[in-house]
Amino acid sequence: MKAKKTDVSHKLKVARGQLDGILKMVDENRYCVDISNQLLATQALLKSANQEIMQAHIRSCVAEALQTDKPNPKLEEALSLLEKMSN
């Protein structure tokens, strides 16, 4: 992985903590909108971590692959992931 591991790891650990909090909210039968807001915040954090990883991948692995004359599966792989991220 070419992304800055400490940044990605921090975001994922915060998301894990948020998920634990959401599970507690569900167990405590908290207000639905509050739970939903926390879920949205967690999704945003996971999306941010994924974007960071993909940006680093494109800047390094895909850029290196583009410098060769060989067929480029890394480019297709990155494009496929970007399409999934937009859905």
PDB file of N, CA and C in Angstrom:
ATOM      1  N   MET A   1       0.844  -1.173   0.000  1.00  0.00           N
ATOM      2  CA  MET A   1       0.000   0.000   0.000  1.00  0.00           C
ATOM      3  C   MET A   1       0.891   1.238   0.000  1.00  0.00           C
ATOM      4  N   LYS A   2       0.560   2.176  -0.850  1.00  0.00           N
ATOM      5  CA  LYS A   2       1.385   3.365  -1.011  1.00  0.00           C
ATOM      6  C   LYS A   2       0.861   4.567  -0.227  1.00  0.00           C
ATOM      7  N   ALA A   3      -0.372   4.498   0.270  1.00  0.00           N
ATOM      8  CA  ALA A   3      -0.931   5.609   1.048  1.00  0.00           C
ATOM      9  C   ALA A   3      -0.215   5.697   2.396  1.00  0.00           C
ATOM     10  N   LYS A   4      -0.296   6.867   3.013  1.00  0.00           N
ATOM     11  CA  LYS A   4       0.337   7.061   4.310  1.00  0.00           C
ATOM     12  C   LYS A   4      -0.407   6.208   5.349  1.00  0.00           C
ATOM     13  N   LYS A   5       0.250   5.159   5.795  1.00  0.00           N
ATOM     14  CA  LYS A   5      -0.393   4.160   6.659  1.00  0.00           C
ATOM     15  C   LYS A   5      -0.926   4.757   7.951  1.00  0.00           C
ATOM     16  N   THR A   6      -0.206   5.693   8.536  1.00  0.00           N
ATOM     17  CA  THR A   6      -0.664   6.249   9.817  1.00  0.00           C
ATOM     18  C   THR A   6      -1.987   6.995   9.648  1.00  0.00           C
ATOM     19  N   ASP A   7      -2.137   7.731   8.545  1.00  0.00           N
ATOM     20  CA  ASP A   7      -3.382   8.471   8.310  1.00  0.00           C
ATOM     21  C   ASP A   7      -4.557   7.527   8.065  1.00  0.00           C
ATOM     22  N   VAL A   8      -4.328   6.539   7.207  1.00  0.00           N
ATOM     23  CA  VAL A   8      -5.391   5.585   6.892  1.00  0.00           C
ATOM     24  C   VAL A   8      -5.757   4.780   8.135  1.00  0.00           C
ATOM     25  N   SER A   9      -4.763   4.325   8.855  1.00  0.00           N
ATOM     26  CA  SER A   9      -4.997   3.539  10.064  1.00  0.00           C
ATOM     27  C   SER A   9      -5.793   4.343  11.092  1.00  0.00           C
ATOM     28  N   HIS A  10      -5.445   5.621  11.252  1.00  0.00           N
ATOM     29  CA  HIS A  10      -6.164   6.478  12.193  1.00  0.00           C
ATOM     30  C   HIS A  10      -7.640   6.597  11.800  1.00  0.00           C
ATOM     31  N   LYS A  11      -7.904   6.842  10.538  1.00  0.00           N
ATOM     32  CA  LYS A  11      -9.286   6.970  10.077  1.00  0.00           C
ATOM     33  C   LYS A  11     -10.069   5.684  10.310  1.00  0.00           C
ATOM     34  N   LEU A  12      -9.443   4.547  10.034  1.00  0.00           N
ATOM     35  CA  LEU A  12     -10.122   3.269  10.225  1.00  0.00           C
ATOM     36  C   LEU A  12     -10.375   2.976  11.697  1.00  0.00           C
ATOM     37  N   LYS A  13      -9.447   3.345  12.561  1.00  0.00           N
ATOM     38  CA  LYS A  13      -9.652   3.138  13.996  1.00  0.00           C
ATOM     39  C   LYS A  13     -10.768   4.033  14.528  1.00  0.00           C
ATOM     40  N   VAL A  14     -10.836   5.264  14.037  1.00  0.00           N
ATOM     41  CA  VAL A  14     -11.922   6.157  14.440  1.00  0.00           C
ATOM     42  C   VAL A  14     -13.260   5.588  13.961  1.00  0.00           C
ATOM     43  N   ALA A  15     -13.286   5.089  12.725  1.00  0.00           N
ATOM     44  CA  ALA A  15     -14.513   4.489  12.191  1.00  0.00           C
ATOM     45  C   ALA A  15     -14.937   3.275  13.027  1.00  0.00           C
ATOM     46  N   ARG A  16     -13.963   2.468  13.432  1.00  0.00           N
ATOM     47  CA  ARG A  16     -14.274   1.313  14.277  1.00  0.00           C
ATOM     48  C   ARG A  16     -14.885   1.778  15.601  1.00  0.00           C
ATOM     49  N   GLY A  17     -14.337   2.837  16.178  1.00  0.00           N
ATOM     50  CA  GLY A  17     -14.900   3.387  17.408  1.00  0.00           C
ATOM     51  C   GLY A  17     -16.311   3.909  17.193  1.00  0.00           C
ATOM     52  N   GLN A  18     -16.526   4.552  16.048  1.00  0.00           N
ATOM     53  CA  GLN A  18     -17.863   5.041  15.736  1.00  0.00           C
ATOM     54  C   GLN A  18     -18.841   3.873  15.608  1.00  0.00           C
ATOM     55  N   LEU A  19     -18.414   2.801  14.960  1.00  0.00           N
ATOM     56  CA  LEU A  19     -19.288   1.632  14.824  1.00  0.00           C
ATOM     57  C   LEU A  19     -19.633   1.030  16.182  1.00  0.00           C
ATOM     58  N   ASP A  20     -18.672   0.963  17.066  1.00  0.00           N
ATOM     59  CA  ASP A  20     -18.948   0.475  18.421  1.00  0.00           C
ATOM     60  C   ASP A  20     -19.982   1.367  19.102  1.00  0.00           C
ATOM     61  N   GLY A  21     -19.844   2.678  18.920  1.00  0.00           N
ATOM     62  CA  GLY A  21     -20.809   3.614  19.492  1.00  0.00           C
ATOM     63  C   GLY A  21     -22.193   3.441  18.892  1.00  0.00           C
ATOM     64  N   ILE A  22     -22.246   3.194  17.594  1.00  0.00           N
ATOM     65  CA  ILE A  22     -23.536   2.988  16.922  1.00  0.00           C
ATOM     66  C   ILE A  22     -24.207   1.719  17.437  1.00  0.00           C
ATOM     67  N   LEU A  23     -23.425   0.663  17.598  1.00  0.00           N
ATOM     68  CA  LEU A  23     -23.986  -0.579  18.143  1.00  0.00           C
ATOM     69  C   LEU A  23     -24.565  -0.344  19.539  1.00  0.00           C
ATOM     70  N   LYS A  24     -23.892   0.436  20.344  1.00  0.00           N
ATOM     71  CA  LYS A  24     -24.379   0.760  21.678  1.00  0.00           C
ATOM     72  C   LYS A  24     -25.681   1.565  21.576  1.00  0.00           C
ATOM     73  N   MET A  25     -25.718   2.499  20.630  1.00  0.00           N
ATOM     74  CA  MET A  25     -26.940   3.290  20.434  1.00  0.00           C
ATOM     75  C   MET A  25     -28.117   2.392  20.053  1.00  0.00           C
ATOM     76  N   VAL A  26     -27.864   1.416  19.192  1.00  0.00           N
ATOM     77  CA  VAL A  26     -28.921   0.477  18.783  1.00  0.00           C
ATOM     78  C   VAL A  26     -29.375  -0.333  19.996  1.00  0.00           C
ATOM     79  N   ASP A  27     -28.421  -0.846  20.775  1.00  0.00           N
ATOM     80  CA  ASP A  27     -28.759  -1.623  21.974  1.00  0.00           C
ATOM     81  C   ASP A  27     -29.570  -0.805  22.971  1.00  0.00           C
ATOM     82  N   GLU A  28     -29.278   0.497  23.038  1.00  0.00           N
ATOM     83  CA  GLU A  28     -29.978   1.386  23.969  1.00  0.00           C
ATOM     84  C   GLU A  28     -31.279   1.932  23.392  1.00  0.00           C
ATOM     85  N   ASN A  29     -31.606   1.486  22.166  1.00  0.00           N
ATOM     86  CA  ASN A  29     -32.850   1.899  21.526  1.00  0.00           C
ATOM     87  C   ASN A  29     -32.937   3.423  21.370  1.00  0.00           C
ATOM     88  N   ARG A  30     -31.818   4.020  20.945  1.00  0.00           N
ATOM     89  CA  ARG A  30     -31.746   5.471  20.779  1.00  0.00           C
ATOM     90  C   ARG A  30     -32.549   5.918  19.565  1.00  0.00           C
ATOM     91  N   TYR A  31     -32.713   7.213  19.444  1.00  0.00           N
ATOM     92  CA  TYR A  31     -33.510   7.838  18.398  1.00  0.00           C
ATOM     93  C   TYR A  31     -32.924   7.500  17.025  1.00  0.00           C
ATOM     94  N   CYS A  32     -33.791   7.082  16.105  1.00  0.00           N
ATOM     95  CA  CYS A  32     -33.380   6.603  14.783  1.00  0.00           C
ATOM     96  C   CYS A  32     -32.542   7.623  14.018  1.00  0.00           C
ATOM     97  N   VAL A  33     -32.928   8.886  14.056  1.00  0.00           N
ATOM     98  CA  VAL A  33     -32.211   9.913  13.309  1.00  0.00           C
ATOM     99  C   VAL A  33     -30.800  10.092  13.859  1.00  0.00           C
ATOM    100  N   ASP A  34     -30.641   9.984  15.163  1.00  0.00           N
ATOM    101  CA  ASP A  34     -29.303  10.081  15.758  1.00  0.00           C
ATOM    102  C   ASP A  34     -28.417   8.926  15.281  1.00  0.00           C
ATOM    103  N   ILE A  35     -28.982   7.735  15.234  1.00  0.00           N
ATOM    104  CA  ILE A  35     -28.232   6.568  14.753  1.00  0.00           C
ATOM    105  C   ILE A  35     -27.867   6.759  13.281  1.00  0.00           C
ATOM    106  N   SER A  36     -28.822   7.208  12.507  1.00  0.00           N
ATOM    107  CA  SER A  36     -28.575   7.418  11.083  1.00  0.00           C
ATOM    108  C   SER A  36     -27.480   8.455  10.852  1.00  0.00           C
ATOM    109  N   ASN A  37     -27.492   9.528  11.615  1.00  0.00           N
ATOM    110  CA  ASN A  37     -26.453  10.549  11.485  1.00  0.00           C
ATOM    111  C   ASN A  37     -25.074   9.983  11.792  1.00  0.00           C
ATOM    112  N   GLN A  38     -24.987   9.135  12.785  1.00  0.00           N
ATOM    113  CA  GLN A  38     -23.708   8.510  13.125  1.00  0.00           C
ATOM    114  C   GLN A  38     -23.257   7.542  12.027  1.00  0.00           C
ATOM    115  N   LEU A  39     -24.216   6.833  11.442  1.00  0.00           N
ATOM    116  CA  LEU A  39     -23.882   5.950  10.325  1.00  0.00           C
ATOM    117  C   LEU A  39     -23.342   6.749   9.140  1.00  0.00           C
ATOM    118  N   LEU A  40     -23.958   7.877   8.846  1.00  0.00           N
ATOM    119  CA  LEU A  40     -23.493   8.723   7.749  1.00  0.00           C
ATOM    120  C   LEU A  40     -22.087   9.253   8.012  1.00  0.00           C
ATOM    121  N   ALA A  41     -21.819   9.632   9.252  1.00  0.00           N
ATOM    122  CA  ALA A  41     -20.485  10.122   9.608  1.00  0.00           C
ATOM    123  C   ALA A  41     -19.437   9.019   9.439  1.00  0.00           C
ATOM    124  N   THR A  42     -19.782   7.809   9.820  1.00  0.00           N
ATOM    125  CA  THR A  42     -18.865   6.678   9.674  1.00  0.00           C
ATOM    126  C   THR A  42     -18.622   6.364   8.204  1.00  0.00           C
ATOM    127  N   GLN A  43     -19.692   6.395   7.410  1.00  0.00           N
ATOM    128  CA  GLN A  43     -19.541   6.160   5.977  1.00  0.00           C
ATOM    129  C   GLN A  43     -18.620   7.204   5.346  1.00  0.00           C
ATOM    130  N   ALA A  44     -18.768   8.454   5.745  1.00  0.00           N
ATOM    131  CA  ALA A  44     -17.923   9.524   5.208  1.00  0.00           C
ATOM    132  C   ALA A  44     -16.457   9.290   5.559  1.00  0.00           C
ATOM    133  N   LEU A  45     -16.206   8.832   6.764  1.00  0.00           N
ATOM    134  CA  LEU A  45     -14.832   8.558   7.188  1.00  0.00           C
ATOM    135  C   LEU A  45     -14.238   7.394   6.398  1.00  0.00           C
ATOM    136  N   LEU A  46     -15.011   6.340   6.202  1.00  0.00           N
ATOM    137  CA  LEU A  46     -14.536   5.202   5.412  1.00  0.00           C
ATOM    138  C   LEU A  46     -14.303   5.611   3.959  1.00  0.00           C
ATOM    139  N   LYS A  47     -15.175   6.443   3.431  1.00  0.00           N
ATOM    140  CA  LYS A  47     -15.000   6.933   2.061  1.00  0.00           C
ATOM    141  C   LYS A  47     -13.719   7.746   1.949  1.00  0.00           C
ATOM    142  N   SER A  48     -13.441   8.563   2.936  1.00  0.00           N
ATOM    143  CA  SER A  48     -12.229   9.369   2.941  1.00  0.00           C
ATOM    144  C   SER A  48     -10.980   8.487   2.964  1.00  0.00           C
ATOM    145  N   ALA A  49     -10.995   7.446   3.781  1.00  0.00           N
ATOM    146  CA  ALA A  49      -9.856   6.523   3.844  1.00  0.00           C
ATOM    147  C   ALA A  49      -9.678   5.819   2.503  1.00  0.00           C
ATOM    148  N   ASN A  50     -10.772   5.401   1.890  1.00  0.00           N
ATOM    149  CA  ASN A  50     -10.703   4.724   0.604  1.00  0.00           C
ATOM    150  C   ASN A  50     -10.175   5.658  -0.480  1.00  0.00           C
ATOM    151  N   GLN A  51     -10.604   6.903  -0.469  1.00  0.00           N
ATOM    152  CA  GLN A  51     -10.112   7.871  -1.448  1.00  0.00           C
ATOM    153  C   GLN A  51      -8.607   8.092  -1.294  1.00  0.00           C
ATOM    154  N   GLU A  52      -8.161   8.160  -0.069  1.00  0.00           N
ATOM    155  CA  GLU A  52      -6.729   8.351   0.183  1.00  0.00           C
ATOM    156  C   GLU A  52      -5.916   7.178  -0.368  1.00  0.00           C
ATOM    157  N   ILE A  53      -6.420   5.984  -0.152  1.00  0.00           N
ATOM    158  CA  ILE A  53      -5.743   4.788  -0.654  1.00  0.00           C
ATOM    159  C   ILE A  53      -5.740   4.780  -2.179  1.00  0.00           C
ATOM    160  N   MET A  54      -6.867   5.084  -2.786  1.00  0.00           N
ATOM    161  CA  MET A  54      -6.959   5.066  -4.247  1.00  0.00           C
ATOM    162  C   MET A  54      -6.109   6.160  -4.887  1.00  0.00           C
ATOM    163  N   GLN A  55      -6.079   7.330  -4.291  1.00  0.00           N
ATOM    164  CA  GLN A  55      -5.245   8.407  -4.838  1.00  0.00           C
ATOM    165  C   GLN A  55      -3.772   7.999  -4.840  1.00  0.00           C
ATOM    166  N   ALA A  56      -3.328   7.415  -3.739  1.00  0.00           N
ATOM    167  CA  ALA A  56      -1.934   6.969  -3.657  1.00  0.00           C
ATOM    168  C   ALA A  56      -1.666   5.855  -4.673  1.00  0.00           C
ATOM    169  N   HIS A  57      -2.624   4.978  -4.860  1.00  0.00           N
ATOM    170  CA  HIS A  57      -2.477   3.878  -5.821  1.00  0.00           C
ATOM    171  C   HIS A  57      -2.330   4.430  -7.241  1.00  0.00           C
ATOM    172  N   ILE A  58      -3.173   5.389  -7.578  1.00  0.00           N
ATOM    173  CA  ILE A  58      -3.119   5.965  -8.927  1.00  0.00           C
ATOM    174  C   ILE A  58      -1.815   6.717  -9.132  1.00  0.00           C
ATOM    175  N   ARG A  59      -1.392   7.469  -8.118  1.00  0.00           N
ATOM    176  CA  ARG A  59      -0.152   8.245  -8.239  1.00  0.00           C
ATOM    177  C   ARG A  59       1.093   7.364  -8.333  1.00  0.00           C
ATOM    178  N   SER A  60       1.032   6.184  -7.761  1.00  0.00           N
ATOM    179  CA  SER A  60       2.228   5.340  -7.759  1.00  0.00           C
ATOM    180  C   SER A  60       2.079   4.153  -8.711  1.00  0.00           C
ATOM    181  N   CYS A  61       1.281   3.185  -8.349  1.00  0.00           N
ATOM    182  CA  CYS A  61       1.197   1.933  -9.112  1.00  0.00           C
ATOM    183  C   CYS A  61       0.691   2.154 -10.541  1.00  0.00           C
ATOM    184  N   VAL A  62      -0.381   2.905 -10.677  1.00  0.00           N
ATOM    185  CA  VAL A  62      -0.940   3.128 -12.014  1.00  0.00           C
ATOM    186  C   VAL A  62       0.017   3.988 -12.844  1.00  0.00           C
ATOM    187  N   ALA A  63       0.578   5.028 -12.233  1.00  0.00           N
ATOM    188  CA  ALA A  63       1.526   5.887 -12.958  1.00  0.00           C
ATOM    189  C   ALA A  63       2.718   5.080 -13.458  1.00  0.00           C
ATOM    190  N   GLU A  64       3.239   4.173 -12.645  1.00  0.00           N
ATOM    191  CA  GLU A  64       4.351   3.319 -13.063  1.00  0.00           C
ATOM    192  C   GLU A  64       3.935   2.414 -14.217  1.00  0.00           C
ATOM    193  N   ALA A  65       2.740   1.851 -14.117  1.00  0.00           N
ATOM    194  CA  ALA A  65       2.264   0.945 -15.161  1.00  0.00           C
ATOM    195  C   ALA A  65       2.057   1.671 -16.481  1.00  0.00           C
ATOM    196  N   LEU A  66       1.685   2.932 -16.437  1.00  0.00           N
ATOM    197  CA  LEU A  66       1.464   3.708 -17.656  1.00  0.00           C
ATOM    198  C   LEU A  66       2.770   4.011 -18.386  1.00  0.00           C
ATOM    199  N   GLN A  67       3.878   3.898 -17.708  1.00  0.00           N
ATOM    200  CA  GLN A  67       5.173   4.208 -18.318  1.00  0.00           C
ATOM    201  C   GLN A  67       5.732   3.052 -19.154  1.00  0.00           C
ATOM    202  N   THR A  68       5.021   1.938 -19.168  1.00  0.00           N
ATOM    203  CA  THR A  68       5.464   0.798 -19.968  1.00  0.00           C
ATOM    204  C   THR A  68       4.574   0.668 -21.200  1.00  0.00           C
ATOM    205  N   ASP A  69       5.026  -0.087 -22.162  1.00  0.00           N
ATOM    206  CA  ASP A  69       4.248  -0.327 -23.379  1.00  0.00           C
ATOM    207  C   ASP A  69       3.365  -1.568 -23.264  1.00  0.00           C
ATOM    208  N   LYS A  70       3.415  -2.210 -22.131  1.00  0.00           N
ATOM    209  CA  LYS A  70       2.654  -3.444 -21.930  1.00  0.00           C
ATOM    210  C   LYS A  70       1.179  -3.122 -21.683  1.00  0.00           C
ATOM    211  N   PRO A  71       0.290  -4.094 -21.897  1.00  0.00           N
ATOM    212  CA  PRO A  71      -1.122  -3.893 -21.533  1.00  0.00           C
ATOM    213  C   PRO A  71      -1.229  -3.529 -20.056  1.00  0.00           C
ATOM    214  N   ASN A  72      -2.205  -2.712 -19.724  1.00  0.00           N
ATOM    215  CA  ASN A  72      -2.223  -2.115 -18.399  1.00  0.00           C
ATOM    216  C   ASN A  72      -3.430  -2.531 -17.557  1.00  0.00           C
ATOM    217  N   PRO A  73      -3.351  -3.676 -16.887  1.00  0.00           N
ATOM    218  CA  PRO A  73      -4.472  -4.090 -16.043  1.00  0.00           C
ATOM    219  C   PRO A  73      -4.653  -3.195 -14.813  1.00  0.00           C
ATOM    220  N   LYS A  74      -3.599  -2.545 -14.348  1.00  0.00           N
ATOM    221  CA  LYS A  74      -3.723  -1.677 -13.175  1.00  0.00           C
ATOM    222  C   LYS A  74      -4.619  -0.484 -13.457  1.00  0.00           C
ATOM    223  N   LEU A  75      -4.563   0.040 -14.660  1.00  0.00           N
ATOM    224  CA  LEU A  75      -5.425   1.155 -15.024  1.00  0.00           C
ATOM    225  C   LEU A  75      -6.881   0.708 -15.025  1.00  0.00           C
ATOM    226  N   GLU A  76      -7.154  -0.419 -15.625  1.00  0.00           N
ATOM    227  CA  GLU A  76      -8.525  -0.936 -15.657  1.00  0.00           C
ATOM    228  C   GLU A  76      -9.032  -1.237 -14.244  1.00  0.00           C
ATOM    229  N   GLU A  77      -8.162  -1.772 -13.435  1.00  0.00           N
ATOM    230  CA  GLU A  77      -8.485  -2.077 -12.038  1.00  0.00           C
ATOM    231  C   GLU A  77      -8.872  -0.800 -11.292  1.00  0.00           C
ATOM    232  N   ALA A  78      -8.076   0.252 -11.455  1.00  0.00           N
ATOM    233  CA  ALA A  78      -8.345   1.531 -10.789  1.00  0.00           C
ATOM    234  C   ALA A  78      -9.634   2.151 -11.301  1.00  0.00           C
ATOM    235  N   LEU A  79      -9.858   2.090 -12.597  1.00  0.00           N
ATOM    236  CA  LEU A  79     -11.094   2.643 -13.154  1.00  0.00           C
ATOM    237  C   LEU A  79     -12.321   1.897 -12.634  1.00  0.00           C
ATOM    238  N   SER A  80     -12.217   0.603 -12.508  1.00  0.00           N
ATOM    239  CA  SER A  80     -13.314  -0.200 -11.974  1.00  0.00           C
ATOM    240  C   SER A  80     -13.624   0.167 -10.522  1.00  0.00           C
ATOM    241  N   LEU A  81     -12.571   0.352  -9.733  1.00  0.00           N
ATOM    242  CA  LEU A  81     -12.777   0.751  -8.334  1.00  0.00           C
ATOM    243  C   LEU A  81     -13.384   2.147  -8.227  1.00  0.00           C
ATOM    244  N   LEU A  82     -12.935   3.066  -9.071  1.00  0.00           N
ATOM    245  CA  LEU A  82     -13.506   4.406  -9.063  1.00  0.00           C
ATOM    246  C   LEU A  82     -14.988   4.380  -9.408  1.00  0.00           C
ATOM    247  N   GLU A  83     -15.356   3.514 -10.340  1.00  0.00           N
ATOM    248  CA  GLU A  83     -16.775   3.380 -10.694  1.00  0.00           C
ATOM    249  C   GLU A  83     -17.585   2.868  -9.501  1.00  0.00           C
ATOM    250  N   LYS A  84     -17.044   1.892  -8.789  1.00  0.00           N
ATOM    251  CA  LYS A  84     -17.727   1.369  -7.603  1.00  0.00           C
ATOM    252  C   LYS A  84     -17.874   2.436  -6.532  1.00  0.00           C
ATOM    253  N   MET A  85     -16.843   3.274  -6.381  1.00  0.00           N
ATOM    254  CA  MET A  85     -16.867   4.319  -5.361  1.00  0.00           C
ATOM    255  C   MET A  85     -17.924   5.381  -5.664  1.00  0.00           C
ATOM    256  N   SER A  86     -18.228   5.572  -6.940  1.00  0.00           N
ATOM    257  CA  SER A  86     -19.194   6.616  -7.300  1.00  0.00           C
ATOM    258  C   SER A  86     -20.626   6.163  -7.117  1.00  0.00           C
ATOM    259  N   ASN A  87     -20.854   4.877  -6.905  1.00  0.00           N
ATOM    260  CA  ASN A  87     -22.224   4.368  -6.710  1.00  0.00           C
ATOM    261  C   ASN A  87     -22.662   4.440  -5.287  1.00  0.00           C
TER     262      ASN A  87
END
